[in-house]
Protein backbone atom coordinates (compact mmCIF):
# COMPACT_ATOMS: atom_id res chain seq x y z
CA MET A 1 5.43 -6.05 -18.93
CA ASN A 2 3.92 -3.31 -16.79
CA LEU A 3 1.98 -4.00 -13.91
CA ALA A 4 -0.25 -1.52 -11.71
CA ALA A 5 -1.18 -1.52 -8.11
CA ILE A 6 -3.92 0.82 -6.53
CA ASP A 7 -4.19 1.18 -2.96
CA LEU A 8 -7.07 3.00 -1.64
CA GLY A 9 -6.05 3.86 1.99
CA SER A 10 -7.70 5.64 4.86
CA ASN A 11 -5.95 8.74 4.18
CA SER A 12 -4.06 8.43 0.70
CA PHE A 13 -4.98 6.79 -2.51
CA ARG A 14 -2.05 5.32 -4.41
CA LEU A 15 -1.08 4.05 -7.88
CA GLU A 16 2.12 2.62 -8.61
CA ILE A 17 3.22 1.13 -11.84
CA GLY A 18 6.29 -1.34 -12.00
CA ASN A 19 7.85 -2.85 -14.92
CA PHE A 20 8.55 -6.84 -14.34
CA GLU A 21 11.60 -7.93 -16.14
CA HIS A 22 14.03 -10.71 -15.11
CA MET A 23 11.79 -11.48 -12.09
CA GLN A 24 12.15 -7.97 -10.70
CA ILE A 25 10.12 -4.87 -10.56
CA GLN A 26 11.29 -1.77 -11.30
CA ARG A 27 9.27 1.41 -10.69
CA VAL A 28 7.75 3.31 -13.44
CA GLU A 29 5.56 5.66 -11.96
CA TYR A 30 4.19 6.70 -8.60
CA ILE A 31 1.10 8.65 -8.06
CA LYS A 32 -0.18 9.78 -4.46
CA GLU A 33 -3.28 11.76 -3.70
CA THR A 34 -4.39 12.74 -0.25
CA VAL A 35 -8.04 11.62 -0.24
CA ARG A 36 -8.67 11.43 3.48
CA GLN A 37 -11.59 9.04 3.11
CA GLY A 38 -11.11 8.00 6.81
CA ASN A 39 -12.13 11.27 7.63
CA GLY A 40 -15.25 11.10 6.29
CA LEU A 41 -16.89 8.28 8.12
CA ASP A 42 -19.78 9.64 10.24
CA SER A 43 -21.06 8.14 13.50
CA GLU A 44 -22.98 5.49 11.95
CA ARG A 45 -19.78 4.37 9.61
CA ASN A 46 -21.49 5.79 6.23
CA LEU A 47 -18.97 7.73 4.16
CA SER A 48 -20.30 10.99 3.47
CA PRO A 49 -21.06 12.29 -0.07
CA GLU A 50 -17.86 14.67 0.14
CA ALA A 51 -15.73 11.60 0.99
CA MET A 52 -17.03 9.28 -1.82
CA GLU A 53 -16.59 12.40 -4.39
CA ARG A 54 -13.09 12.94 -3.32
CA GLY A 55 -12.53 9.19 -3.84
CA TRP A 56 -14.18 9.16 -7.39
CA ALA A 57 -12.58 12.21 -8.78
CA CYS A 58 -8.90 10.47 -7.85
CA LEU A 59 -10.06 7.23 -9.32
CA ALA A 60 -11.19 8.98 -12.34
CA ARG A 61 -7.60 10.35 -13.05
CA PHE A 62 -6.22 6.99 -12.53
CA GLY A 63 -8.04 5.48 -14.57
CA GLU A 64 -7.17 7.64 -17.47
CA ARG A 65 -3.74 6.70 -16.84
CA LEU A 66 -4.40 2.90 -16.79
CA ARG A 67 -6.41 2.67 -19.97
CA GLY A 68 -4.66 0.14 -22.30
CA PHE A 69 -3.45 -2.20 -19.32
CA ALA A 70 -4.74 -5.48 -19.44
CA PRO A 71 -6.90 -7.04 -16.44
CA GLU A 72 -4.48 -9.14 -15.31
CA CYS A 73 -1.85 -6.89 -14.98
CA VAL A 74 -3.92 -4.35 -12.64
CA ARG A 75 -4.99 -4.96 -9.03
CA ALA A 76 -6.99 -2.06 -6.79
CA VAL A 77 -7.20 -2.88 -3.12
CA ALA A 78 -9.19 -1.10 -0.33
CA THR A 79 -8.60 -1.28 3.17
CA GLN A 80 -10.00 -0.19 6.60
CA THR A 81 -11.87 2.47 5.65
CA LEU A 82 -14.18 0.76 3.08
CA ARG A 83 -14.23 -2.36 5.40
CA GLU A 84 -15.95 -0.27 7.88
CA ALA A 85 -18.53 1.81 5.40
CA ARG A 86 -21.59 0.32 5.36
CA ASN A 87 -22.33 2.28 2.21
CA ARG A 88 -19.09 0.95 0.47
CA GLU A 89 -21.13 -0.91 -2.16
CA ALA A 90 -22.65 2.66 -3.27
CA PHE A 91 -18.88 3.67 -3.42
CA VAL A 92 -17.28 0.67 -5.25
CA GLN A 93 -19.86 0.35 -7.86
CA ARG A 94 -19.02 3.75 -9.22
CA ALA A 95 -15.45 3.62 -8.33
CA ASN A 96 -15.02 0.47 -10.47
CA GLU A 97 -16.45 2.55 -13.36
CA LEU A 98 -14.29 5.28 -13.17
CA LEU A 99 -11.02 3.44 -12.69
CA GLY A 100 -11.90 0.74 -15.34
CA PHE A 101 -11.01 -2.20 -12.93
CA PRO A 102 -12.67 -3.97 -10.11
CA ILE A 103 -11.80 -2.87 -6.54
CA ASP A 104 -11.21 -5.76 -3.96
CA VAL A 105 -12.12 -4.70 -0.52
CA ILE A 106 -9.37 -7.02 1.33
CA SER A 107 -9.44 -8.01 4.85
CA GLY A 108 -7.17 -7.17 7.54
CA GLU A 109 -5.22 -10.34 7.25
CA GLU A 110 -4.57 -10.04 3.63
CA GLU A 111 -3.72 -6.44 4.18
CA ALA A 112 -0.85 -7.56 6.44
CA ARG A 113 -0.01 -10.46 3.98
CA LEU A 114 0.51 -7.89 1.24
CA ILE A 115 2.35 -5.44 3.54
CA TYR A 116 4.87 -8.05 4.47
CA ARG A 117 5.23 -9.31 0.95
CA GLY A 118 6.03 -5.79 0.08
CA VAL A 119 8.40 -5.17 2.74
CA VAL A 120 10.46 -8.29 2.19
CA SER A 121 10.47 -7.20 -1.36
CA GLN A 122 12.69 -4.68 -0.72
CA LEU A 123 15.40 -6.39 1.93
CA PRO A 124 18.17 -8.85 1.61
CA MET A 125 17.12 -12.29 1.26
CA THR A 126 18.51 -13.17 4.83
CA ASP A 127 17.14 -15.95 7.44
CA GLU A 128 16.12 -13.34 10.27
CA ARG A 129 13.16 -13.42 11.97
CA ARG A 130 11.22 -10.25 11.32
CA LEU A 131 8.45 -8.09 12.89
CA VAL A 132 7.00 -5.85 10.50
CA MET A 133 4.43 -3.14 12.27
CA ASP A 134 2.16 -0.80 9.36
CA ILE A 135 0.24 2.14 11.26
CA GLY A 136 -2.24 3.06 8.70
CA GLY A 137 -5.11 5.72 8.59
CA ARG A 138 -7.80 3.43 10.46
CA SER A 139 -5.95 0.13 11.07
CA THR A 140 -2.63 -0.99 12.18
CA GLU A 141 -1.08 -4.61 11.01
CA PHE A 142 1.64 -6.57 12.66
CA VAL A 143 3.49 -9.67 10.84
CA LEU A 144 5.82 -12.18 12.22
CA GLY A 145 7.67 -13.77 9.60
CA HIS A 146 11.19 -15.73 9.12
CA GLY A 147 13.11 -14.61 5.95
CA VAL A 148 10.51 -14.07 2.90
CA GLN A 149 7.64 -16.20 4.69
CA ALA A 150 4.95 -14.75 6.67
CA GLU A 151 4.01 -16.83 9.85
CA ALA A 152 1.60 -14.80 11.99
CA LEU A 153 -0.72 -12.14 10.73
CA ALA A 154 -2.66 -9.72 12.70
CA SER A 155 -4.93 -6.51 11.89
CA TYR A 156 -6.26 -3.97 14.81
CA ARG A 157 -8.78 -1.24 14.04
CA ILE A 158 -6.37 1.41 15.29
CA GLY A 159 -4.82 4.22 13.11
CA SER A 160 -3.06 7.56 12.97
CA VAL A 161 -6.27 9.35 11.26
CA ALA A 162 -8.97 7.68 13.75
CA TRP A 163 -6.74 8.18 16.96
CA SER A 164 -6.13 11.76 15.72
CA MET A 165 -9.53 12.45 15.47
CA ARG A 166 -10.49 10.85 18.63
CA TYR A 167 -8.09 12.11 20.85
CA PHE A 168 -6.93 15.54 19.19
CA PRO A 169 -10.33 16.51 17.86
CA GLN A 170 -9.53 20.43 17.83
CA GLY A 171 -5.92 19.73 16.95
CA LEU A 172 -4.86 20.38 20.61
CA LEU A 173 -1.58 18.69 21.79
CA THR A 174 -1.49 18.37 25.36
CA ALA A 175 -0.01 15.69 27.69
CA GLU A 176 -3.34 14.31 28.93
CA ALA A 177 -4.40 13.80 25.57
CA PHE A 178 -1.29 11.88 24.68
CA SER A 179 -1.54 10.00 27.83
CA ASN A 180 -5.16 8.94 27.13
CA ALA A 181 -4.57 7.93 23.36
CA GLU A 182 -1.43 5.54 24.45
CA LEU A 183 -3.47 4.25 27.05
CA ALA A 184 -6.32 3.34 24.70
CA ALA A 185 -3.70 2.04 22.07
CA ARG A 186 -2.33 -0.21 24.44
CA ALA A 187 -5.55 -1.55 25.35
CA VAL A 188 -6.40 -2.31 21.64
CA LEU A 189 -3.08 -3.77 21.18
CA ASP A 190 -2.98 -5.81 24.26
CA GLU A 191 -3.81 -8.75 22.51
CA ALA A 192 -0.69 -8.88 20.35
CA LEU A 193 1.23 -9.99 23.06
CA ASP A 194 -0.27 -13.33 22.60
CA THR A 195 1.53 -13.82 19.29
CA PHE A 196 4.04 -11.04 19.07
CA ARG A 197 6.04 -11.74 22.08
CA PRO A 198 9.39 -9.93 22.65
CA GLY A 199 12.16 -12.28 21.53
CA SER A 200 10.13 -13.77 18.79
CA TRP A 201 12.13 -11.33 16.14
CA ASP A 202 15.47 -10.67 15.10
CA ARG A 203 14.64 -7.23 13.56
CA ALA A 204 11.69 -4.96 13.48
CA TYR A 205 10.86 -2.82 10.56
CA ALA A 206 8.15 -0.07 10.63
CA SER A 207 6.30 0.16 7.02
CA ALA A 208 4.16 3.18 5.39
CA GLY A 209 2.47 6.26 6.51
CA THR A 210 3.13 6.74 10.05
CA ALA A 211 6.48 5.22 9.99
CA ASN A 212 7.51 7.23 7.08
CA ALA A 213 6.02 10.61 8.48
CA VAL A 214 8.28 9.87 11.79
CA GLY A 215 11.28 9.01 10.20
CA GLU A 216 11.72 11.71 7.73
CA VAL A 217 11.30 14.29 10.43
CA LEU A 218 13.89 12.66 12.60
CA ILE A 219 16.27 12.11 9.67
CA ALA A 220 15.89 15.62 8.78
CA ASN A 221 16.66 16.72 12.43
CA GLY A 222 19.63 14.57 12.84
CA ARG A 223 18.00 12.47 15.45
CA SER A 224 18.12 9.08 13.12
CA ARG A 225 19.70 7.35 10.49
CA GLY A 226 17.01 5.25 9.10
CA VAL A 227 15.80 3.97 12.36
CA ILE A 228 13.30 4.73 14.71
CA ASP A 229 13.84 4.50 18.46
CA ARG A 230 12.55 5.34 21.97
CA ASP A 231 14.65 8.31 22.23
CA GLY A 232 13.48 9.49 18.86
CA LEU A 233 9.76 9.00 19.79
CA ASN A 234 10.43 10.81 22.83
CA TRP A 235 11.99 13.97 21.52
CA LEU A 236 9.37 14.10 18.62
CA LEU A 237 6.56 14.05 21.64
CA GLU A 238 8.38 16.92 23.14
CA GLN A 239 8.39 19.09 19.85
CA LEU A 240 4.46 18.49 19.48
CA LEU A 241 3.86 19.39 23.40
CA ARG A 242 5.87 22.45 22.67
CA ALA A 243 3.84 23.11 19.59
CA GLN A 244 0.41 22.87 21.71
CA GLN A 245 -1.68 22.76 18.47
CA VAL A 246 -1.47 20.89 15.26
CA ASP A 247 -1.45 23.94 12.93
CA ARG A 248 1.72 25.21 14.96
CA ILE A 249 4.10 22.26 14.15
CA ARG A 250 7.08 23.34 12.45
CA LEU A 251 9.75 20.81 12.23
CA GLU A 252 12.18 20.12 9.28
CA GLY A 253 11.01 16.71 7.11
CA MET A 254 7.19 17.53 8.05
CA ARG A 255 5.10 17.43 5.02
CA GLU A 256 1.87 19.29 5.13
CA ASP A 257 -0.34 16.48 4.41
CA ARG A 258 1.08 14.08 7.41
CA ARG A 259 0.79 17.12 10.05
CA PRO A 260 -2.99 16.06 10.95
CA MET A 261 -2.31 12.48 11.63
CA LEU A 262 1.13 12.98 13.28
CA ALA A 263 -0.04 12.88 16.85
CA GLY A 264 -2.62 9.89 16.70
CA GLY A 265 0.26 7.93 15.05
CA ILE A 266 3.18 8.98 17.50
CA SER A 267 0.72 7.51 20.14
CA ILE A 268 0.18 4.16 18.72
CA MET A 269 3.76 3.65 17.90
CA ARG A 270 4.88 4.43 21.70
CA ALA A 271 2.26 2.37 22.67
CA ALA A 272 3.44 -0.49 20.42
CA PHE A 273 7.06 -0.09 21.48
CA ASP A 274 6.18 0.03 25.21
CA LEU A 275 3.95 -2.97 24.95
CA LEU A 276 6.33 -5.18 22.65
CA GLY A 277 9.44 -4.39 24.32
CA ILE A 278 10.68 -2.76 20.86
CA ASP A 279 13.58 -0.66 21.10
CA GLN A 280 14.03 0.20 17.48
CA MET A 281 12.70 -0.14 14.37
CA GLN A 282 13.99 0.01 10.66
CA ILE A 283 12.09 2.16 8.53
CA ALA A 284 10.87 -0.14 5.39
CA GLN A 285 10.94 0.86 1.86
CA GLY A 286 8.52 -1.85 0.93
CA ALA A 287 4.66 -1.22 1.53
CA LEU A 288 1.38 -2.66 0.48
CA ARG A 289 1.46 -1.60 -2.81
CA GLN A 290 4.77 -3.42 -3.67
CA GLY A 291 3.14 -6.35 -2.20
CA VAL A 292 0.36 -6.22 -4.64
CA LEU A 293 2.58 -5.88 -7.73
CA HIS A 294 4.92 -9.01 -6.49
CA ASP A 295 1.42 -11.03 -6.19
CA LEU A 296 0.75 -9.72 -9.98
CA ALA A 297 4.09 -10.97 -11.01
CA ASP A 298 3.65 -14.24 -9.13
CA ALA A 299 7.25 -13.97 -8.03
CA ASP A 300 7.28 -16.03 -5.21
CA LEU A 301 11.08 -16.90 -5.44
CA PRO A 302 13.70 -18.77 -3.21
CA THR A 303 16.51 -16.71 -1.96
CA GLY A 304 19.00 -17.90 -4.55
CA ASP A 305 16.64 -17.47 -7.43
CA LEU A 306 16.08 -13.69 -6.43
CA ARG A 307 19.93 -12.98 -6.17
CA THR A 308 20.56 -14.66 -9.60
CA ALA A 309 17.45 -12.63 -10.95
CA SER A 310 19.10 -9.47 -9.61
CA ILE A 311 22.64 -10.05 -11.13
CA GLN A 312 20.81 -11.13 -14.54
CA ALA A 313 18.98 -7.86 -14.22
CA LEU A 314 22.15 -6.09 -13.98
CA ALA A 315 23.86 -7.79 -16.84
CA HIS A 316 20.77 -6.93 -19.25
CA ARG A 317 21.06 -3.44 -18.20
CA PHE A 318 24.77 -3.06 -18.87
CA ALA A 319 24.88 -4.80 -22.19
CA VAL A 320 27.31 -7.64 -20.86
CA ASP A 321 28.10 -10.42 -23.07
CA THR A 322 26.11 -13.07 -21.36
CA ALA A 323 27.70 -16.06 -23.48
CA HIS A 324 31.22 -15.02 -22.45
CA ALA A 325 30.27 -14.30 -18.92
CA ARG A 326 28.75 -17.77 -18.49
CA HIS A 327 32.00 -19.39 -19.92
CA VAL A 328 33.93 -17.40 -17.19
CA ALA A 329 31.60 -18.52 -14.43
CA ASP A 330 31.65 -22.29 -15.39
CA THR A 331 35.33 -21.80 -15.72
CA ALA A 332 35.86 -20.18 -12.12
CA GLN A 333 33.63 -22.53 -10.44
CA HIS A 334 35.37 -25.54 -12.12
CA LEU A 335 38.72 -24.17 -10.66
CA ALA A 336 37.23 -23.36 -7.28
CA ARG A 337 36.06 -26.79 -6.92
CA GLU A 338 39.81 -28.04 -7.96
CA LEU A 339 41.08 -26.05 -4.91
CA ALA A 340 38.30 -26.66 -2.49
CA GLY A 341 38.22 -30.34 -3.52
CA THR A 342 34.58 -30.50 -3.00
CA ALA A 343 31.53 -29.25 -4.65
CA LEU A 344 30.56 -25.59 -4.23
CA PRO A 345 27.18 -24.36 -2.49
CA PRO A 346 24.47 -23.46 -4.68
CA GLN A 347 24.41 -19.64 -6.02
CA HIS A 348 28.38 -19.45 -5.27
CA PRO A 349 29.73 -15.56 -5.01
CA LEU A 350 32.08 -16.56 -8.08
CA GLU A 351 29.35 -17.37 -10.35
CA TRP A 352 27.39 -13.84 -9.47
CA THR A 353 30.84 -11.99 -9.82
CA ALA A 354 31.78 -13.51 -13.21
CA LEU A 355 28.20 -12.99 -14.95
CA VAL A 356 28.65 -9.26 -14.26
CA HIS A 357 32.57 -8.93 -14.23
CA GLU A 358 32.51 -6.91 -17.54
CA ALA A 359 29.29 -4.66 -16.57
CA GLY A 360 31.85 -1.52 -16.38
CA GLN A 361 32.68 -2.04 -19.96
CA ARG A 362 29.55 -0.20 -21.02
CA ILE A 363 31.01 2.98 -18.92
CA ASN A 364 34.85 2.84 -19.95
CA ARG A 365 36.65 -0.14 -21.50
CA SER A 366 40.16 0.46 -20.39
CA ASP A 367 39.30 0.65 -16.59
CA TYR A 368 36.15 -1.12 -16.85
CA HIS A 369 37.14 -3.42 -13.57
CA ARG A 370 36.89 -0.33 -11.64
CA HIS A 371 33.66 0.89 -12.94
CA GLY A 372 32.15 -2.63 -12.60
CA ALA A 373 33.08 -2.59 -8.75
CA TYR A 374 31.75 0.98 -8.17
CA ILE A 375 28.19 -0.42 -10.00
CA LEU A 376 28.25 -3.38 -7.64
CA GLN A 377 28.81 -1.21 -4.48
CA HIS A 378 25.82 1.29 -5.45
CA CYS A 379 23.29 -0.87 -7.43
CA GLY A 380 21.41 -2.15 -4.58
CA ALA A 381 20.88 -5.32 -6.37
CA LYS A 382 17.81 -6.90 -4.41
CA GLY A 383 18.42 -9.82 -2.36
CA PHE A 384 22.00 -9.25 -1.42
CA THR A 385 22.92 -7.61 1.93
CA GLU A 386 25.41 -4.63 1.69
CA ALA A 387 28.20 -6.75 2.89
CA GLU A 388 27.73 -9.46 0.13
CA LEU A 389 27.57 -6.90 -2.54
CA GLN A 390 30.80 -5.24 -1.20
CA HIS A 391 32.50 -8.74 -1.37
CA LEU A 392 31.52 -9.29 -5.25
CA ALA A 393 32.76 -5.67 -5.84
CA GLN A 394 36.00 -6.37 -4.41
CA LEU A 395 36.41 -9.52 -6.65
CA VAL A 396 35.29 -7.50 -9.61
CA LEU A 397 37.78 -4.89 -8.80
CA GLY A 398 40.60 -7.54 -8.70
CA HIS A 399 39.78 -9.65 -11.53
CA ARG A 400 42.28 -8.28 -13.41
CA GLY A 401 45.26 -5.75 -12.90
CA LYS A 402 48.05 -5.59 -10.35
CA LEU A 403 47.13 -7.11 -7.03
CA LYS A 404 48.45 -4.56 -4.60
CA LYS A 405 44.96 -2.95 -4.29
CA MET A 406 43.68 -6.61 -3.12
CA GLU A 407 46.29 -6.68 -0.29
CA GLU A 408 43.51 -6.79 2.37
CA PHE A 409 41.21 -9.06 0.38
CA ILE A 410 43.61 -11.87 0.04
CA ALA A 411 44.98 -11.78 3.10
CA GLN A 412 42.97 -14.82 4.11
CA ALA A 413 42.82 -18.00 2.14
CA PRO A 414 39.12 -17.91 0.94
CA GLY A 415 39.66 -14.69 -0.61
CA ALA A 416 43.04 -15.68 -2.24
CA MET A 417 41.25 -18.70 -3.74
CA GLU A 418 38.19 -17.02 -4.82
CA LEU A 419 40.15 -14.42 -6.72
CA LEU A 420 42.69 -16.83 -8.21
CA ALA A 421 39.84 -18.86 -9.75
CA LEU A 422 38.28 -15.75 -11.13
CA ARG A 423 41.57 -14.29 -12.46
CA LEU A 424 42.36 -17.72 -14.12
CA ALA A 425 39.17 -18.12 -15.71
CA VAL A 426 39.27 -14.56 -17.18
CA ILE A 427 42.70 -15.75 -18.78
CA LEU A 428 41.56 -19.35 -19.97
CA CYS A 429 38.74 -17.45 -21.46
CA HIS A 430 40.04 -14.74 -23.04
CA ALA A 431 39.37 -15.84 -26.70
CA ARG A 432 35.74 -15.60 -25.17
CA GLN A 433 35.04 -19.27 -26.21
CA ALA A 434 34.77 -22.06 -23.64
CA PRO A 435 38.08 -23.45 -22.76
CA MET A 436 39.66 -26.80 -22.77
CA LEU A 437 39.83 -27.84 -19.16
CA GLN A 438 40.63 -31.20 -19.46
CA GLY A 439 43.81 -32.17 -17.74
CA LEU A 440 44.08 -28.77 -16.11
CA GLN A 441 44.38 -29.17 -12.38
CA LEU A 442 44.83 -26.46 -9.69
CA SER A 443 45.73 -27.09 -6.09
CA ARG A 444 47.21 -25.33 -2.94
CA ARG A 445 49.49 -26.17 -0.16
CA ALA A 446 50.03 -23.49 2.52
CA ALA A 447 50.86 -20.19 0.39
CA CYS A 448 51.61 -21.81 -2.78
CA PHE A 449 49.01 -22.35 -5.75
CA THR A 450 50.09 -24.97 -8.45
CA LEU A 451 48.37 -25.08 -11.86
CA CYS A 452 49.31 -28.22 -13.95
CA LEU A 453 48.87 -28.35 -17.34
CA PRO A 454 48.69 -31.23 -19.79
CA ALA A 455 51.67 -32.18 -22.08
CA GLY A 456 51.84 -29.56 -25.06
CA TRP A 457 49.11 -27.17 -23.72
CA SER A 458 51.38 -24.54 -24.00
CA GLN A 459 52.40 -25.10 -27.57
CA GLN A 460 48.75 -25.42 -28.42
CA PHE A 461 47.57 -22.38 -26.35
CA PRO A 462 50.35 -19.82 -26.81
CA GLN A 463 48.51 -16.69 -25.91
CA SER A 464 46.92 -18.35 -22.72
CA ALA A 465 50.33 -19.52 -21.71
CA HIS A 466 51.72 -15.98 -21.87
CA LEU A 467 49.14 -14.68 -19.90
CA LEU A 468 49.40 -17.23 -17.48
CA ALA A 469 53.07 -16.62 -17.20
CA GLU A 470 52.00 -12.93 -16.51
CA GLU A 471 49.80 -14.04 -13.74
CA VAL A 472 52.38 -15.85 -11.93
CA GLU A 473 54.56 -12.79 -12.07
CA ALA A 474 51.41 -10.84 -10.57
CA TRP A 475 51.26 -13.45 -7.62
CA SER A 476 55.04 -13.31 -6.93
CA LYS A 477 54.39 -9.68 -5.56
CA THR A 478 51.99 -11.00 -3.01
CA ALA A 479 52.09 -13.23 0.27
CA TRP A 480 51.13 -16.08 -2.05
CA LYS A 481 53.00 -17.91 -5.03
CA LEU A 482 51.76 -18.97 -8.06
CA ASP A 483 53.50 -22.06 -9.90
CA LEU A 484 52.77 -23.49 -13.38
CA VAL A 485 53.78 -27.39 -13.86
CA GLN A 486 53.48 -28.76 -17.31
CA SER A 487 53.41 -32.53 -17.57
């Protein structure tokens, strides 16, 4: 089903539509409009008529796109500007009518929770402690979490639009203005030290507007590979000081709509780096709207479920014969248990690999193992680290054909044991039926594997016996040996 998230931010309104299938969300459409509603708050915190008109016009367009969506499949959230606006009810009432769905003005803590949900939805499911920072137009959120679980949430009334308007009002970029902006930002964020102490996270992530604006410039100018660090921020500050005025900023990767708020955003980010002792932050792909979509999908999944769901989605995308893949997975795990002499942990790599080992057949049947390996290396399956996907890809690559290409992978016993279990499972399931495993025993002593077959097995399954004899020959050309013994 299609789900829709609408994010009414202080600088931009965003609509993202995603398709929910196999417990994952794939983007269908994304629309962003620069509304600059945060610029429309006057000294008494009332939205100007012009700011309200800009917002209404945008939401009317979003509403046309969302016609026919069920109410339970859409959520619209508004953040700091409408939290502050004294006349927000007047805006929201008309906005609800134009959009066709109710708008929820969420708290800062709820915004932080949804931001964290969105960020981790795009990250591998690891056990790391995470700090997430999101510098928006009029508020900044900090979240401390462990894996997928947010544990500490905070929102501060400081943002790139507000700080740019206050400390760079005529667009003048001076050292004094930056110094004052950073000093003021430190004063607002000072209480964050009580919760977000240096050393309380393993990795820091920067999400959304300011992070994307800074990151895109640093990457385009060869100053970064997906991270924001102190050197990059210092270099960017130097470029702004040289420009002297906002209108004169000319940098590769700088989008026109982000230029006016860049100075304020950089001031806040530099203050946060200094205050919390941050050396670098990875640029996060997820944000508030992804968190809203995952809330709609009710996708609170444990680690293993998310990775299994990713594999299932991949198998579906490439039209894998799931019944056959399940036979191979069960057989491979049975053989691996025989080798290990103990139960395998849940969500073992052999199971995931077996479920997609034929994904490459959709591209080319004769060389499908190579195509399948390429798919796994580049699919970006959610929940997996790059190293985990590389491991699965190696197993898919080696599940058929000669073993010379796998010399490095099978140099150590764990790799050799996994690959042997998978290759034997593929052979035993060659008829695309569940094989008879009763009486089969697989063991290992040093560099020698032994597969014991029950009496009469070779006569009962002559093709399987022929394929196993070829497998013995394949392993004889490696540092390992495979023996067949018939009782």
